Amino acid sequence: MEHPLYKIEKVMEKAQDNIEDVDLLEDYIAAIENWQNAVSNSNSLSYTSSFGEYNPGGGKDAVEKYLLLSRDEAVTARDALKKIISILNI
């Protein structure tokens, strides 16, 4: 069984056909790009945090730093999703 968010980017691209206000199309595309970047960055930073203690100069402080940066990216992704939902009126 596939996860409902599997290939969600394609769903988002198809959803742009449902945008009622054509002037918002550019904002919608930017929000999708912001979401994709933030999700990718968050995943990368959280993965990096798992090795923070083992890297030179690492330690628990490094782990916490990467997790906090990952959280910031997750908040950015959430905000981009809010904008996408708003533009689509869903």
N, C-alpha and C. Protein backbone atom coordinates (compact mmCIF):
# COMPACT_ATOMS: atom_id res chain seq x y z
N MET A 1 0.85 -1.19 0.00
CA MET A 1 0.00 0.00 0.00
C MET A 1 0.89 1.24 0.00
N GLU A 2 0.54 2.18 -0.82
CA GLU A 2 1.32 3.42 -0.92
C GLU A 2 0.85 4.41 0.13
N HIS A 3 1.79 5.19 0.60
CA HIS A 3 1.48 6.24 1.57
C HIS A 3 0.73 7.35 0.84
N PRO A 4 -0.24 8.01 1.51
CA PRO A 4 -1.03 9.06 0.84
C PRO A 4 -0.19 10.26 0.38
N LEU A 5 0.98 10.45 0.98
CA LEU A 5 1.82 11.57 0.56
C LEU A 5 2.87 11.18 -0.47
N TYR A 6 2.84 9.92 -0.89
CA TYR A 6 3.79 9.47 -1.91
C TYR A 6 3.56 10.25 -3.20
N LYS A 7 4.59 10.87 -3.68
CA LYS A 7 4.56 11.70 -4.90
C LYS A 7 3.55 12.84 -4.79
N ILE A 8 3.45 13.42 -3.61
CA ILE A 8 2.50 14.52 -3.38
C ILE A 8 2.82 15.73 -4.27
N GLU A 9 4.08 15.85 -4.68
CA GLU A 9 4.46 16.96 -5.54
C GLU A 9 3.66 16.95 -6.85
N LYS A 10 3.42 15.75 -7.37
CA LYS A 10 2.64 15.65 -8.61
C LYS A 10 1.20 16.07 -8.38
N VAL A 11 0.66 15.73 -7.22
CA VAL A 11 -0.70 16.14 -6.89
C VAL A 11 -0.77 17.66 -6.80
N MET A 12 0.24 18.25 -6.18
CA MET A 12 0.28 19.71 -6.04
C MET A 12 0.37 20.38 -7.41
N GLU A 13 1.15 19.80 -8.30
CA GLU A 13 1.27 20.37 -9.64
C GLU A 13 -0.07 20.30 -10.38
N LYS A 14 -0.76 19.19 -10.27
CA LYS A 14 -2.07 19.05 -10.93
C LYS A 14 -3.10 19.98 -10.31
N ALA A 15 -2.97 20.24 -9.02
CA ALA A 15 -3.93 21.09 -8.32
C ALA A 15 -3.88 22.53 -8.80
N GLN A 16 -2.80 22.93 -9.42
CA GLN A 16 -2.71 24.32 -9.88
C GLN A 16 -3.77 24.63 -10.94
N ASP A 17 -4.31 23.59 -11.58
CA ASP A 17 -5.39 23.80 -12.55
C ASP A 17 -6.68 24.23 -11.85
N ASN A 18 -6.76 24.04 -10.54
CA ASN A 18 -7.97 24.37 -9.78
C ASN A 18 -7.90 25.76 -9.13
N ILE A 19 -6.85 26.48 -9.40
CA ILE A 19 -6.72 27.81 -8.80
C ILE A 19 -7.68 28.76 -9.51
N GLU A 20 -8.56 29.34 -8.72
CA GLU A 20 -9.59 30.21 -9.27
C GLU A 20 -9.04 31.57 -9.70
N ASP A 21 -8.13 32.12 -8.93
CA ASP A 21 -7.55 33.43 -9.23
C ASP A 21 -6.20 33.23 -9.92
N VAL A 22 -6.16 33.45 -11.21
CA VAL A 22 -4.96 33.22 -12.01
C VAL A 22 -3.78 34.07 -11.51
N ASP A 23 -4.07 35.20 -10.89
CA ASP A 23 -3.01 36.05 -10.36
C ASP A 23 -2.25 35.39 -9.22
N LEU A 24 -2.83 34.36 -8.62
CA LEU A 24 -2.19 33.65 -7.51
C LEU A 24 -1.33 32.47 -7.97
N LEU A 25 -1.31 32.21 -9.26
CA LEU A 25 -0.56 31.07 -9.78
C LEU A 25 0.92 31.16 -9.44
N GLU A 26 1.50 32.31 -9.61
CA GLU A 26 2.92 32.49 -9.32
C GLU A 26 3.20 32.27 -7.82
N ASP A 27 2.32 32.78 -6.97
CA ASP A 27 2.46 32.57 -5.53
C ASP A 27 2.34 31.08 -5.18
N TYR A 28 1.45 30.40 -5.86
CA TYR A 28 1.25 28.97 -5.63
C TYR A 28 2.51 28.18 -5.99
N ILE A 29 3.07 28.48 -7.13
CA ILE A 29 4.28 27.78 -7.58
C ILE A 29 5.43 28.07 -6.61
N ALA A 30 5.56 29.30 -6.16
CA ALA A 30 6.60 29.65 -5.19
C ALA A 30 6.39 28.91 -3.87
N ALA A 31 5.14 28.79 -3.44
CA ALA A 31 4.84 28.08 -2.19
C ALA A 31 5.20 26.60 -2.30
N ILE A 32 4.92 26.00 -3.45
CA ILE A 32 5.30 24.60 -3.67
C ILE A 32 6.82 24.45 -3.61
N GLU A 33 7.53 25.35 -4.26
CA GLU A 33 8.99 25.29 -4.25
C GLU A 33 9.53 25.50 -2.84
N ASN A 34 8.95 26.43 -2.10
CA ASN A 34 9.37 26.66 -0.71
C ASN A 34 9.13 25.41 0.14
N TRP A 35 7.97 24.78 -0.06
CA TRP A 35 7.65 23.56 0.68
C TRP A 35 8.65 22.45 0.37
N GLN A 36 8.91 22.24 -0.93
CA GLN A 36 9.83 21.18 -1.32
C GLN A 36 11.22 21.41 -0.74
N ASN A 37 11.71 22.64 -0.81
CA ASN A 37 13.04 22.97 -0.27
C ASN A 37 13.08 22.76 1.24
N ALA A 38 12.05 23.22 1.93
CA ALA A 38 12.03 23.11 3.39
C ALA A 38 11.97 21.65 3.83
N VAL A 39 11.16 20.83 3.16
CA VAL A 39 11.08 19.41 3.50
C VAL A 39 12.43 18.74 3.26
N SER A 40 13.04 19.03 2.14
CA SER A 40 14.34 18.44 1.83
C SER A 40 15.40 18.86 2.85
N ASN A 41 15.42 20.14 3.19
CA ASN A 41 16.38 20.63 4.17
C ASN A 41 16.14 20.02 5.55
N SER A 42 14.89 19.93 5.94
CA SER A 42 14.55 19.35 7.24
C SER A 42 14.99 17.90 7.32
N ASN A 43 14.73 17.14 6.27
CA ASN A 43 15.15 15.74 6.24
C ASN A 43 16.67 15.62 6.33
N SER A 44 17.36 16.44 5.58
CA SER A 44 18.82 16.41 5.57
C SER A 44 19.40 16.77 6.94
N LEU A 45 18.87 17.83 7.54
CA LEU A 45 19.38 18.27 8.84
C LEU A 45 19.08 17.25 9.93
N SER A 46 17.91 16.66 9.91
CA SER A 46 17.59 15.66 10.94
C SER A 46 18.46 14.42 10.77
N TYR A 47 18.74 14.04 9.53
CA TYR A 47 19.63 12.91 9.28
C TYR A 47 21.04 13.24 9.78
N THR A 48 21.50 14.44 9.48
CA THR A 48 22.83 14.85 9.92
C THR A 48 22.93 14.86 11.44
N SER A 49 21.85 15.19 12.12
CA SER A 49 21.87 15.24 13.58
C SER A 49 22.18 13.87 14.18
N SER A 50 21.81 12.82 13.49
CA SER A 50 22.03 11.48 14.02
C SER A 50 23.51 11.13 14.08
N PHE A 51 24.34 11.88 13.37
CA PHE A 51 25.78 11.64 13.39
C PHE A 51 26.55 12.75 14.09
N GLY A 52 25.83 13.71 14.68
CA GLY A 52 26.46 14.87 15.30
C GLY A 52 27.46 14.54 16.38
N GLU A 53 27.19 13.52 17.17
CA GLU A 53 28.10 13.18 18.26
C GLU A 53 29.38 12.54 17.75
N TYR A 54 29.34 11.96 16.57
CA TYR A 54 30.49 11.22 16.06
C TYR A 54 31.41 12.06 15.18
N ASN A 55 30.96 13.21 14.76
CA ASN A 55 31.77 14.08 13.91
C ASN A 55 32.80 14.83 14.76
N PRO A 56 33.95 15.16 14.16
CA PRO A 56 34.93 15.95 14.90
C PRO A 56 34.30 17.27 15.36
N GLY A 57 34.50 17.59 16.61
CA GLY A 57 33.90 18.81 17.15
C GLY A 57 32.43 18.65 17.45
N GLY A 58 31.93 17.43 17.32
CA GLY A 58 30.52 17.17 17.54
C GLY A 58 30.21 16.98 19.01
N GLY A 59 29.11 16.42 19.27
CA GLY A 59 28.66 16.18 20.64
C GLY A 59 27.18 16.43 20.73
N LYS A 60 26.67 16.42 21.93
CA LYS A 60 25.24 16.63 22.12
C LYS A 60 24.81 18.02 21.65
N ASP A 61 25.73 18.98 21.76
CA ASP A 61 25.42 20.34 21.28
C ASP A 61 25.21 20.35 19.77
N ALA A 62 26.02 19.58 19.05
CA ALA A 62 25.88 19.51 17.60
C ALA A 62 24.56 18.85 17.21
N VAL A 63 24.20 17.80 17.93
CA VAL A 63 22.93 17.12 17.67
C VAL A 63 21.77 18.08 17.86
N GLU A 64 21.80 18.80 18.98
CA GLU A 64 20.73 19.75 19.27
C GLU A 64 20.67 20.86 18.22
N LYS A 65 21.83 21.33 17.80
CA LYS A 65 21.87 22.39 16.78
C LYS A 65 21.19 21.94 15.49
N TYR A 66 21.52 20.74 15.03
CA TYR A 66 20.93 20.24 13.78
C TYR A 66 19.44 19.97 13.93
N LEU A 67 19.03 19.50 15.09
CA LEU A 67 17.60 19.26 15.32
C LEU A 67 16.82 20.56 15.36
N LEU A 68 17.40 21.59 15.94
CA LEU A 68 16.73 22.90 15.96
C LEU A 68 16.64 23.49 14.56
N LEU A 69 17.69 23.34 13.78
CA LEU A 69 17.66 23.81 12.40
C LEU A 69 16.61 23.03 11.60
N SER A 70 16.52 21.73 11.84
CA SER A 70 15.53 20.90 11.17
C SER A 70 14.12 21.35 11.54
N ARG A 71 13.92 21.67 12.81
CA ARG A 71 12.60 22.14 13.25
C ARG A 71 12.23 23.45 12.55
N ASP A 72 13.20 24.34 12.41
CA ASP A 72 12.94 25.61 11.72
C ASP A 72 12.48 25.35 10.28
N GLU A 73 13.10 24.39 9.63
CA GLU A 73 12.71 24.05 8.26
C GLU A 73 11.32 23.42 8.23
N ALA A 74 11.00 22.64 9.24
CA ALA A 74 9.66 22.04 9.32
C ALA A 74 8.60 23.13 9.48
N VAL A 75 8.91 24.15 10.25
CA VAL A 75 7.98 25.28 10.41
C VAL A 75 7.81 26.01 9.08
N THR A 76 8.91 26.17 8.35
CA THR A 76 8.84 26.80 7.03
C THR A 76 7.96 25.97 6.09
N ALA A 77 8.11 24.65 6.14
CA ALA A 77 7.29 23.76 5.31
C ALA A 77 5.82 23.89 5.70
N ARG A 78 5.54 23.94 6.99
CA ARG A 78 4.15 24.10 7.46
C ARG A 78 3.55 25.40 6.93
N ASP A 79 4.31 26.48 7.01
CA ASP A 79 3.82 27.77 6.54
C ASP A 79 3.56 27.76 5.04
N ALA A 80 4.43 27.08 4.29
CA ALA A 80 4.22 26.98 2.84
C ALA A 80 2.95 26.18 2.55
N LEU A 81 2.70 25.13 3.33
CA LEU A 81 1.47 24.35 3.15
C LEU A 81 0.24 25.18 3.46
N LYS A 82 0.33 26.02 4.48
CA LYS A 82 -0.79 26.91 4.79
C LYS A 82 -1.10 27.81 3.61
N LYS A 83 -0.05 28.33 2.98
CA LYS A 83 -0.24 29.21 1.82
C LYS A 83 -0.87 28.43 0.66
N ILE A 84 -0.39 27.22 0.44
CA ILE A 84 -0.94 26.37 -0.64
C ILE A 84 -2.42 26.11 -0.39
N ILE A 85 -2.77 25.77 0.83
CA ILE A 85 -4.18 25.51 1.18
C ILE A 85 -5.02 26.75 0.99
N SER A 86 -4.47 27.89 1.38
CA SER A 86 -5.20 29.14 1.23
C SER A 86 -5.46 29.48 -0.23
N ILE A 87 -4.46 29.31 -1.06
CA ILE A 87 -4.61 29.62 -2.48
C ILE A 87 -5.62 28.68 -3.14
N LEU A 88 -5.61 27.41 -2.74
CA LEU A 88 -6.53 26.43 -3.33
C LEU A 88 -7.93 26.50 -2.73
N ASN A 89 -8.09 27.30 -1.68
CA ASN A 89 -9.39 27.42 -1.00
C ASN A 89 -9.90 26.07 -0.51
N ILE A 90 -9.00 25.32 0.13
CA ILE A 90 -9.43 24.01 0.69
C ILE A 90 -9.22 24.00 2.19
